[in-house]
Amino acid sequence: MEKKSPFIFFALVLLFFIPALNFINFDTASAVVFLLVILYLIVRNRKILVFQQMLHIGKIPLIYAVLWKTKFGIKFMEKFAKKYRELVKLFGYSFVGFGFFGMIFISVNILIMLVRLFIAPKAASEGVALVLPLTNIPGLGFLSFWHFLITIFITVLIHEFAHGIVARAHNVPVKSSGLGIFGIVLPIFPLAFVEPEEKKLVKEQDIVQYSIFAAGPMVNIIFAALILLLTLYVIVPIENNITHPIGFSYNGVAEDFPAQTAGMEPGMIINTVNGVEVLTYQDFSSEIGELRPGEEVTLGTLNGTFTIITKAATDDPERGMIGILDIRNEVRLKERFETYGPVYFWIRGLLKWLYFINLIIGLMNLLPLLVTDGGRMLKLALDKIIVNKKKSAKVWMFIGALFIFTLIGALLVKYGLSFFAFIGMG
């Protein structure tokens, strides 16, 4: 990694995005303004920032991180670790077993996906998507800019503070902490980081190192579990009392299937089928039963009525399909609660993304890639299992490369850039 001033590149990007300020949509405008402010701050403060390039073409950075090293939060880590030292150590030790279990769990799932990529690339890639703001995430819906920004910041903050607190509980110094931005051409993801004293860390017992590495992802997973419990036992009961069902929506339409052909668009709310009111997807399923290919179905939505002829499913010629994907029930606040609607649904959405992104970041950080916490855990384990350090390093790099290849391959297939087709596997 090398440090280079990206002044010219960022200045060009800044000029390119100025017209975007004319967007009417507040969420989009917020994203553009945030991007412009970040670019300006990076250029202005470039002398005190650490600019780490992971991939670049000439002087143009493609994948990089911009870090602002400070002492942010170190006093808090010191104080917390000192006050609850033995409890922090205990939790840290328990994280090790769960961390390796999580590593095995996510690794097996990724390896299954690798096999499926060679057998059925398109189907294997369906569960993979980039979690980016202002996009529809399959199965979850639209990710607004502010939900993304707040969720990512909280997620990385608790992740890095967990590393720092466990490190300090074992008297491993924390050199610096701070904020940053991870960029893929443009600065996209906000970062928080903690930098333990590496020379001191590698001299610690294996169990101590494992516990420090596992702390970040395990705290993310625990936080996701707490959000889930809050949703199930607090949010859902409240919602059942203040809302009523109005139908169900969908986030996608299958290509070349009746819904797409009829002009149905993602986000429409279906509330009748064949003239009968259906307020939930369960009502809809009960009303239409099992569809056969060639059946006529009339769907009523808030945007109009659509009459379609079902088509045979690709995996079952006896089953008829409409072609709507990522279905979810929709509710509306009762009249006396409508004033609080925007605030309530915004908070509800934030909790949804806090759960999902913490869970995903926790699990993905346990994946044995070359730059993740799981990767460092695996490297330490391999160094103990394989005495020869060169062989250990080769095995570690092979495993990391295998998982990177699988993830990149799935994303390429997902977004229509399948390289498998070129070798006769698509």
Protein backbone atom coordinates (compact mmCIF):
# COMPACT_ATOMS: atom_id res chain seq x y z
CA MET A 1 0.00 0.00 0.00
CA GLU A 2 1.30 3.43 -0.80
CA LYS A 3 0.33 6.96 0.12
CA LYS A 4 -0.42 9.35 -2.71
CA SER A 5 -2.24 12.63 -2.91
CA PRO A 6 -5.52 12.14 -4.83
CA PHE A 7 -6.03 15.90 -5.22
CA ILE A 8 -6.50 15.98 -9.02
CA PHE A 9 -8.74 12.94 -9.09
CA PHE A 10 -11.02 14.18 -6.30
CA ALA A 11 -11.20 17.67 -7.82
CA LEU A 12 -12.47 16.18 -11.10
CA VAL A 13 -15.02 14.06 -9.26
CA LEU A 14 -16.16 17.13 -7.33
CA LEU A 15 -16.83 19.05 -10.55
CA PHE A 16 -18.58 16.09 -12.12
CA PHE A 17 -21.08 15.74 -9.27
CA ILE A 18 -22.03 19.39 -8.81
CA PRO A 19 -25.03 19.06 -11.22
CA ALA A 20 -26.41 16.29 -8.99
CA LEU A 21 -27.33 18.93 -6.40
CA ASN A 22 -30.37 19.72 -8.54
CA PHE A 23 -32.02 16.45 -7.52
CA ILE A 24 -35.35 17.02 -5.82
CA ASN A 25 -35.27 13.83 -3.75
CA PHE A 26 -34.00 14.70 -0.26
CA ASP A 27 -32.38 11.31 0.30
CA THR A 28 -30.46 11.45 -2.96
CA ALA A 29 -29.52 15.10 -2.41
CA SER A 30 -28.22 14.19 1.07
CA ALA A 31 -26.02 11.49 -0.43
CA VAL A 32 -24.60 13.88 -3.01
CA VAL A 33 -23.96 16.63 -0.45
CA PHE A 34 -22.31 14.12 1.89
CA LEU A 35 -20.08 12.89 -0.92
CA LEU A 36 -19.08 16.44 -1.88
CA VAL A 37 -18.30 17.35 1.73
CA ILE A 38 -16.19 14.22 2.21
CA LEU A 39 -14.28 14.87 -1.02
CA TYR A 40 -13.65 18.47 0.05
CA LEU A 41 -12.42 17.41 3.52
CA ILE A 42 -10.14 14.76 2.05
CA VAL A 43 -8.56 17.21 -0.37
CA ARG A 44 -8.24 19.98 2.22
CA ASN A 45 -6.79 17.77 4.99
CA ARG A 46 -4.80 15.39 2.79
CA LYS A 47 -1.53 16.18 4.61
CA ILE A 48 -2.79 14.82 7.94
CA LEU A 49 -4.69 11.85 6.51
CA VAL A 50 -3.35 8.38 5.80
CA PHE A 51 -4.25 7.43 2.25
CA GLN A 52 -3.94 3.66 1.68
CA GLN A 53 -4.33 2.42 -1.87
CA MET A 54 -5.23 -1.21 -2.43
CA LEU A 55 -5.77 -0.94 -6.17
CA HIS A 56 -4.98 1.93 -8.52
CA ILE A 57 -4.32 2.76 -12.15
CA GLY A 58 -1.45 5.19 -12.38
CA LYS A 59 -2.27 7.97 -9.93
CA ILE A 60 -6.00 7.25 -9.98
CA PRO A 61 -7.11 5.26 -6.88
CA LEU A 62 -9.75 2.58 -7.49
CA ILE A 63 -9.95 0.81 -4.12
CA TYR A 64 -8.58 2.68 -1.13
CA ALA A 65 -9.07 3.79 2.46
CA VAL A 66 -8.61 7.29 3.84
CA LEU A 67 -7.87 7.23 7.58
CA TRP A 68 -7.79 10.02 10.13
CA LYS A 69 -5.72 8.72 13.04
CA THR A 70 -6.70 10.21 16.42
CA LYS A 71 -7.05 9.21 20.06
CA PHE A 72 -10.85 9.05 19.68
CA GLY A 73 -12.45 6.73 22.24
CA ILE A 74 -9.18 5.41 23.70
CA LYS A 75 -9.91 6.85 27.16
CA PHE A 76 -13.32 5.20 27.11
CA MET A 77 -11.77 1.84 26.17
CA GLU A 78 -9.21 2.20 28.95
CA LYS A 79 -11.84 3.08 31.55
CA PHE A 80 -14.29 0.37 30.51
CA ALA A 81 -11.61 -2.34 30.30
CA LYS A 82 -10.19 -1.38 33.71
CA LYS A 83 -13.59 -1.34 35.43
CA TYR A 84 -14.82 -4.64 33.99
CA ARG A 85 -11.49 -6.31 33.23
CA GLU A 86 -12.31 -9.88 34.29
CA LEU A 87 -15.79 -9.78 32.78
CA VAL A 88 -14.37 -8.48 29.48
CA LYS A 89 -11.75 -11.25 29.51
CA LEU A 90 -14.43 -13.87 30.17
CA PHE A 91 -16.58 -12.66 27.29
CA GLY A 92 -13.49 -12.45 25.09
CA TYR A 93 -12.58 -16.07 25.78
CA SER A 94 -16.15 -17.21 25.07
CA PHE A 95 -16.02 -15.34 21.75
CA VAL A 96 -13.24 -17.63 20.55
CA GLY A 97 -15.32 -20.81 20.36
CA PHE A 98 -18.32 -19.01 18.88
CA GLY A 99 -16.00 -17.19 16.50
CA PHE A 100 -14.55 -20.40 15.07
CA PHE A 101 -18.05 -21.90 14.86
CA GLY A 102 -19.19 -18.81 12.94
CA MET A 103 -16.14 -19.09 10.67
CA ILE A 104 -16.99 -22.71 9.86
CA PHE A 105 -20.66 -21.86 9.33
CA ILE A 106 -20.09 -18.98 6.90
CA SER A 107 -17.21 -20.79 5.16
CA VAL A 108 -19.29 -23.90 4.47
CA ASN A 109 -22.08 -21.75 3.03
CA ILE A 110 -19.64 -19.89 0.77
CA LEU A 111 -18.07 -23.17 -0.41
CA ILE A 112 -21.53 -24.53 -1.23
CA MET A 113 -22.10 -21.38 -3.26
CA LEU A 114 -18.78 -21.99 -5.05
CA VAL A 115 -19.93 -25.44 -6.14
CA ARG A 116 -23.28 -24.05 -7.23
CA LEU A 117 -21.54 -21.30 -9.22
CA PHE A 118 -20.10 -23.97 -11.50
CA ILE A 119 -23.34 -25.97 -11.69
CA ALA A 120 -25.93 -23.17 -11.91
CA PRO A 121 -24.21 -19.76 -11.82
CA LYS A 122 -27.32 -17.57 -12.02
CA ALA A 123 -29.20 -19.43 -9.26
CA ALA A 124 -26.12 -19.45 -7.00
CA SER A 125 -25.68 -15.69 -7.30
CA GLU A 126 -29.25 -14.84 -6.25
CA GLY A 127 -28.34 -14.63 -2.57
CA VAL A 128 -25.46 -12.21 -3.18
CA ALA A 129 -25.81 -8.46 -3.50
CA LEU A 130 -23.86 -5.29 -2.78
CA VAL A 131 -25.42 -3.43 0.14
CA LEU A 132 -25.33 0.09 -1.23
CA PRO A 133 -27.43 3.15 -0.38
CA LEU A 134 -30.24 4.27 -2.70
CA THR A 135 -30.71 0.71 -4.01
CA ASN A 136 -33.23 -2.09 -3.53
CA ILE A 137 -31.68 -4.97 -1.59
CA PRO A 138 -33.32 -8.34 -2.46
CA GLY A 139 -35.58 -9.49 0.37
CA LEU A 140 -35.16 -6.31 2.40
CA GLY A 141 -36.31 -3.38 0.31
CA PHE A 142 -34.93 0.08 -0.38
CA LEU A 143 -31.89 1.22 1.61
CA SER A 144 -32.07 4.97 2.14
CA PHE A 145 -28.90 7.03 2.46
CA TRP A 146 -29.47 8.04 6.09
CA HIS A 147 -30.34 4.50 7.18
CA PHE A 148 -27.16 3.34 5.47
CA LEU A 149 -24.94 6.04 6.95
CA ILE A 150 -26.20 5.70 10.54
CA THR A 151 -26.21 1.90 10.42
CA ILE A 152 -22.70 1.58 8.99
CA PHE A 153 -21.30 4.09 11.46
CA ILE A 154 -22.84 2.32 14.50
CA THR A 155 -21.83 -1.10 13.17
CA VAL A 156 -18.16 -0.31 12.57
CA LEU A 157 -17.93 1.75 15.77
CA ILE A 158 -19.06 -1.06 18.10
CA HIS A 159 -16.97 -3.53 16.08
CA GLU A 160 -13.73 -1.60 16.51
CA PHE A 161 -14.40 -0.56 20.09
CA ALA A 162 -14.91 -4.24 20.97
CA HIS A 163 -11.43 -5.01 19.62
CA GLY A 164 -9.97 -2.11 21.60
CA ILE A 165 -11.71 -2.92 24.89
CA VAL A 166 -10.67 -6.59 24.84
CA ALA A 167 -7.11 -5.57 23.89
CA ARG A 168 -6.90 -3.13 26.80
CA ALA A 169 -8.34 -5.74 29.21
CA HIS A 170 -5.23 -7.79 28.39
CA ASN A 171 -2.97 -4.71 28.68
CA VAL A 172 -2.29 -4.58 24.94
CA PRO A 173 -1.76 -0.86 24.13
CA VAL A 174 -4.01 0.85 21.57
CA LYS A 175 -1.82 3.17 19.47
CA SER A 176 -4.58 5.10 17.76
CA SER A 177 -8.19 5.10 16.71
CA GLY A 178 -10.20 7.28 14.43
CA LEU A 179 -12.56 7.66 11.53
CA GLY A 180 -12.16 7.07 7.85
CA ILE A 181 -13.74 6.36 4.50
CA PHE A 182 -13.45 3.25 2.35
CA GLY A 183 -13.74 3.98 -1.34
CA ILE A 184 -14.38 2.06 -4.54
CA VAL A 185 -13.52 4.89 -6.97
CA LEU A 186 -15.72 7.21 -4.87
CA PRO A 187 -15.57 7.40 -1.05
CA ILE A 188 -18.62 5.32 -0.06
CA PHE A 189 -18.37 3.55 3.29
CA PRO A 190 -17.64 5.39 6.56
CA LEU A 191 -15.11 3.62 8.76
CA ALA A 192 -14.05 3.56 12.39
CA PHE A 193 -10.83 1.82 13.37
CA VAL A 194 -8.73 0.85 16.38
CA GLU A 195 -5.00 0.14 16.05
CA PRO A 196 -3.55 -2.10 18.79
CA GLU A 197 0.22 -2.24 19.30
CA GLU A 198 1.04 -5.09 16.90
CA LYS A 199 4.42 -6.01 18.44
CA LYS A 200 2.82 -6.45 21.85
CA LEU A 201 -0.21 -8.26 20.42
CA VAL A 202 1.77 -11.02 18.66
CA LYS A 203 3.63 -11.81 21.91
CA GLU A 204 0.41 -12.59 23.76
CA GLN A 205 -0.88 -16.13 24.30
CA ASP A 206 -2.88 -17.61 21.43
CA ILE A 207 -6.16 -17.50 23.37
CA VAL A 208 -5.67 -13.78 24.04
CA GLN A 209 -5.02 -13.03 20.36
CA TYR A 210 -8.00 -15.12 19.30
CA SER A 211 -10.24 -13.29 21.77
CA ILE A 212 -9.14 -9.87 20.50
CA PHE A 213 -9.67 -10.86 16.86
CA ALA A 214 -13.07 -12.46 17.51
CA ALA A 215 -14.40 -9.61 19.68
CA GLY A 216 -15.41 -7.31 16.82
CA PRO A 217 -17.50 -9.70 14.72
CA MET A 218 -19.03 -11.42 17.76
CA VAL A 219 -20.19 -8.09 19.24
CA ASN A 220 -21.81 -7.28 15.88
CA ILE A 221 -23.66 -10.61 15.93
CA ILE A 222 -24.73 -10.14 19.57
CA PHE A 223 -25.95 -6.62 18.77
CA ALA A 224 -27.96 -8.01 15.84
CA ALA A 225 -29.52 -10.60 18.18
CA LEU A 226 -30.50 -7.86 20.64
CA ILE A 227 -32.11 -5.84 17.83
CA LEU A 228 -34.03 -8.96 16.77
CA LEU A 229 -35.31 -9.54 20.32
CA LEU A 230 -36.30 -5.87 20.60
CA THR A 231 -38.21 -6.13 17.33
CA LEU A 232 -40.00 -9.37 18.21
CA TYR A 233 -40.99 -8.52 21.77
CA VAL A 234 -41.42 -4.73 21.63
CA ILE A 235 -41.81 -3.39 18.09
CA VAL A 236 -44.07 -6.12 16.69
CA PRO A 237 -46.62 -5.99 19.58
CA ILE A 238 -46.72 -2.18 19.33
CA GLU A 239 -47.16 -2.35 15.55
CA ASN A 240 -50.00 -4.85 15.82
CA ASN A 241 -51.88 -2.38 18.02
CA ILE A 242 -51.33 0.79 15.99
CA THR A 243 -51.56 -0.48 12.39
CA HIS A 244 -53.89 -2.36 10.10
CA PRO A 245 -52.96 -4.47 7.00
CA ILE A 246 -53.48 -2.95 3.54
CA GLY A 247 -52.08 -5.67 1.25
CA PHE A 248 -48.64 -6.89 0.25
CA SER A 249 -45.86 -5.51 -1.94
CA TYR A 250 -42.90 -6.97 -3.80
CA ASN A 251 -39.39 -5.69 -4.48
CA GLY A 252 -38.76 -7.33 -7.83
CA VAL A 253 -40.25 -8.99 -10.91
CA ALA A 254 -38.83 -12.06 -12.65
CA GLU A 255 -37.52 -11.44 -16.14
CA ASP A 256 -39.85 -12.60 -18.97
CA PHE A 257 -42.59 -13.61 -16.53
CA PRO A 258 -46.24 -12.40 -16.64
CA ALA A 259 -45.89 -9.64 -14.00
CA GLN A 260 -43.09 -7.95 -15.96
CA THR A 261 -44.88 -8.43 -19.29
CA ALA A 262 -48.06 -6.86 -17.85
CA GLY A 263 -46.12 -3.79 -16.73
CA MET A 264 -46.23 -4.43 -12.98
CA GLU A 265 -43.42 -2.58 -11.22
CA PRO A 266 -41.60 -3.31 -7.93
CA GLY A 267 -43.15 -1.57 -4.94
CA MET A 268 -46.77 -1.84 -6.05
CA ILE A 269 -49.18 -2.92 -3.29
CA ILE A 270 -51.54 -5.75 -4.24
CA ASN A 271 -54.85 -5.69 -2.33
CA THR A 272 -57.26 -7.77 -4.44
CA VAL A 273 -57.07 -10.98 -6.46
CA ASN A 274 -59.85 -11.89 -8.89
CA GLY A 275 -62.00 -9.16 -7.29
CA VAL A 276 -61.58 -10.49 -3.73
CA GLU A 277 -59.88 -8.30 -1.09
CA VAL A 278 -56.61 -9.69 0.26
CA LEU A 279 -54.91 -7.75 3.05
CA THR A 280 -51.91 -10.03 3.51
CA TYR A 281 -49.91 -12.43 1.36
CA GLN A 282 -51.31 -15.25 3.45
CA ASP A 283 -54.85 -14.18 2.42
CA PHE A 284 -53.68 -14.08 -1.20
CA SER A 285 -52.22 -17.61 -1.03
CA SER A 286 -55.37 -18.99 0.56
CA GLU A 287 -57.56 -17.36 -2.08
CA ILE A 288 -55.72 -18.50 -5.22
CA GLY A 289 -54.44 -21.85 -3.95
CA GLU A 290 -51.83 -23.63 -6.08
CA LEU A 291 -51.57 -22.02 -9.49
CA ARG A 292 -51.17 -23.99 -12.71
CA PRO A 293 -49.52 -22.71 -15.90
CA GLY A 294 -51.97 -20.89 -18.17
CA GLU A 295 -54.36 -19.74 -15.43
CA GLU A 296 -55.79 -16.23 -15.63
CA VAL A 297 -55.36 -14.08 -12.53
CA THR A 298 -56.57 -10.52 -12.01
CA LEU A 299 -54.50 -8.53 -9.53
CA GLY A 300 -55.75 -5.26 -8.06
CA THR A 301 -53.18 -2.74 -6.88
CA LEU A 302 -53.17 0.84 -5.69
CA ASN A 303 -51.85 1.67 -9.19
CA GLY A 304 -54.53 -0.14 -11.19
CA THR A 305 -55.67 -3.63 -12.17
CA PHE A 306 -53.58 -6.18 -14.09
CA THR A 307 -54.83 -9.36 -15.74
CA ILE A 308 -52.11 -11.93 -16.36
CA ILE A 309 -51.74 -15.52 -17.54
CA THR A 310 -49.46 -17.58 -15.31
CA LYS A 311 -46.30 -19.16 -16.71
CA ALA A 312 -44.66 -22.46 -15.81
CA ALA A 313 -41.91 -22.21 -13.20
CA THR A 314 -38.40 -22.88 -14.50
CA ASP A 315 -37.81 -25.60 -11.90
CA ASP A 316 -41.32 -27.16 -12.01
CA PRO A 317 -43.35 -27.19 -15.26
CA GLU A 318 -46.50 -28.12 -13.31
CA ARG A 319 -46.42 -24.98 -11.15
CA GLY A 320 -47.74 -21.66 -12.41
CA MET A 321 -45.93 -18.43 -11.57
CA ILE A 322 -46.86 -14.75 -11.64
CA GLY A 323 -43.26 -13.61 -11.36
CA ILE A 324 -43.25 -11.28 -8.34
CA LEU A 325 -40.27 -11.52 -5.97
CA ASP A 326 -39.30 -10.53 -2.42
CA ILE A 327 -42.86 -10.28 -1.10
CA ARG A 328 -43.72 -8.53 2.17
CA ASN A 329 -46.92 -7.55 3.94
CA GLU A 330 -47.74 -3.85 4.12
CA VAL A 331 -49.45 -2.03 6.96
CA ARG A 332 -50.78 1.47 7.53
CA LEU A 333 -51.11 3.34 10.82
CA LYS A 334 -54.59 3.66 12.26
CA GLU A 335 -56.07 7.11 11.87
CA ARG A 336 -55.34 8.33 15.40
CA PHE A 337 -51.65 7.41 15.02
CA GLU A 338 -51.06 8.81 11.53
CA THR A 339 -49.26 11.92 12.84
CA TYR A 340 -46.43 9.72 14.10
CA GLY A 341 -46.27 7.60 10.94
CA PRO A 342 -43.13 8.98 9.29
CA VAL A 343 -41.11 8.87 12.52
CA TYR A 344 -42.34 5.40 13.47
CA PHE A 345 -41.62 3.79 10.09
CA TRP A 346 -38.23 5.53 9.85
CA ILE A 347 -37.18 4.08 13.24
CA ARG A 348 -38.60 0.69 12.28
CA GLY A 349 -36.56 0.77 9.08
CA LEU A 350 -33.42 1.77 10.95
CA LEU A 351 -33.80 -1.20 13.31
CA LYS A 352 -34.23 -3.53 10.33
CA TRP A 353 -30.99 -2.35 8.76
CA LEU A 354 -29.12 -2.36 12.08
CA TYR A 355 -30.07 -6.01 12.49
CA PHE A 356 -29.21 -7.07 8.95
CA ILE A 357 -25.94 -5.15 8.47
CA ASN A 358 -24.56 -6.05 11.91
CA LEU A 359 -25.31 -9.72 11.26
CA ILE A 360 -23.77 -9.67 7.79
CA ILE A 361 -20.67 -7.70 8.80
CA GLY A 362 -20.20 -9.94 11.83
CA LEU A 363 -20.37 -13.13 9.75
CA MET A 364 -18.35 -11.75 6.82
CA ASN A 365 -15.60 -10.66 9.22
CA LEU A 366 -15.38 -14.27 10.41
CA LEU A 367 -14.86 -15.46 6.85
CA PRO A 368 -11.16 -16.41 6.45
CA LEU A 369 -10.26 -13.73 3.91
CA LEU A 370 -6.79 -12.22 3.93
CA VAL A 371 -7.89 -8.94 5.56
CA THR A 372 -10.65 -10.00 7.98
CA ASP A 373 -10.66 -10.94 11.66
CA GLY A 374 -11.46 -14.51 10.64
CA GLY A 375 -8.44 -14.43 8.35
CA ARG A 376 -6.16 -13.45 11.23
CA MET A 377 -7.68 -16.15 13.45
CA LEU A 378 -7.09 -18.77 10.77
CA LYS A 379 -3.51 -17.60 10.15
CA LEU A 380 -2.69 -17.90 13.85
CA ALA A 381 -4.23 -21.38 13.95
CA LEU A 382 -2.38 -22.54 10.81
CA ASP A 383 0.94 -21.26 12.17
CA LYS A 384 0.46 -23.58 15.16
CA ILE A 385 -0.82 -26.56 13.17
CA ILE A 386 1.71 -26.33 10.30
CA VAL A 387 5.19 -25.93 11.74
CA ASN A 388 6.73 -24.78 8.45
CA LYS A 389 5.90 -21.06 8.25
CA LYS A 390 6.20 -20.89 4.45
CA LYS A 391 3.75 -23.77 3.97
CA SER A 392 1.43 -22.23 6.55
CA ALA A 393 1.46 -18.90 4.69
CA LYS A 394 0.77 -20.62 1.35
CA VAL A 395 -2.20 -22.53 2.77
CA TRP A 396 -3.57 -19.36 4.36
CA MET A 397 -3.22 -17.37 1.13
CA PHE A 398 -4.82 -20.16 -0.90
CA ILE A 399 -7.84 -20.31 1.42
CA GLY A 400 -8.22 -16.54 1.39
CA ALA A 401 -7.93 -16.38 -2.40
CA LEU A 402 -10.50 -19.17 -2.77
CA PHE A 403 -13.12 -17.25 -0.83
CA ILE A 404 -12.32 -13.96 -2.56
CA PHE A 405 -12.67 -15.71 -5.94
CA THR A 406 -16.03 -17.14 -4.90
CA LEU A 407 -17.45 -13.81 -3.73
CA ILE A 408 -16.19 -11.87 -6.74
CA GLY A 409 -17.48 -14.59 -9.06
CA ALA A 410 -20.93 -14.51 -7.49
CA LEU A 411 -21.06 -10.71 -7.79
CA LEU A 412 -19.97 -10.82 -11.43
CA VAL A 413 -22.70 -13.33 -12.22
CA LYS A 414 -25.24 -11.37 -10.20
CA TYR A 415 -24.59 -8.14 -12.05
CA GLY A 416 -24.42 -9.66 -15.50
CA LEU A 417 -20.66 -9.91 -16.01
CA SER A 418 -20.38 -13.69 -15.92
CA PHE A 419 -16.93 -14.93 -16.74
CA PHE A 420 -18.22 -18.49 -16.39
CA ALA A 421 -19.94 -18.09 -19.74
CA PHE A 422 -16.56 -17.59 -21.40
CA ILE A 423 -15.36 -21.01 -20.25
CA GLY A 424 -18.54 -22.85 -21.15
CA MET A 425 -20.06 -23.05 -17.69
CA GLY A 426 -22.82 -20.45 -18.02
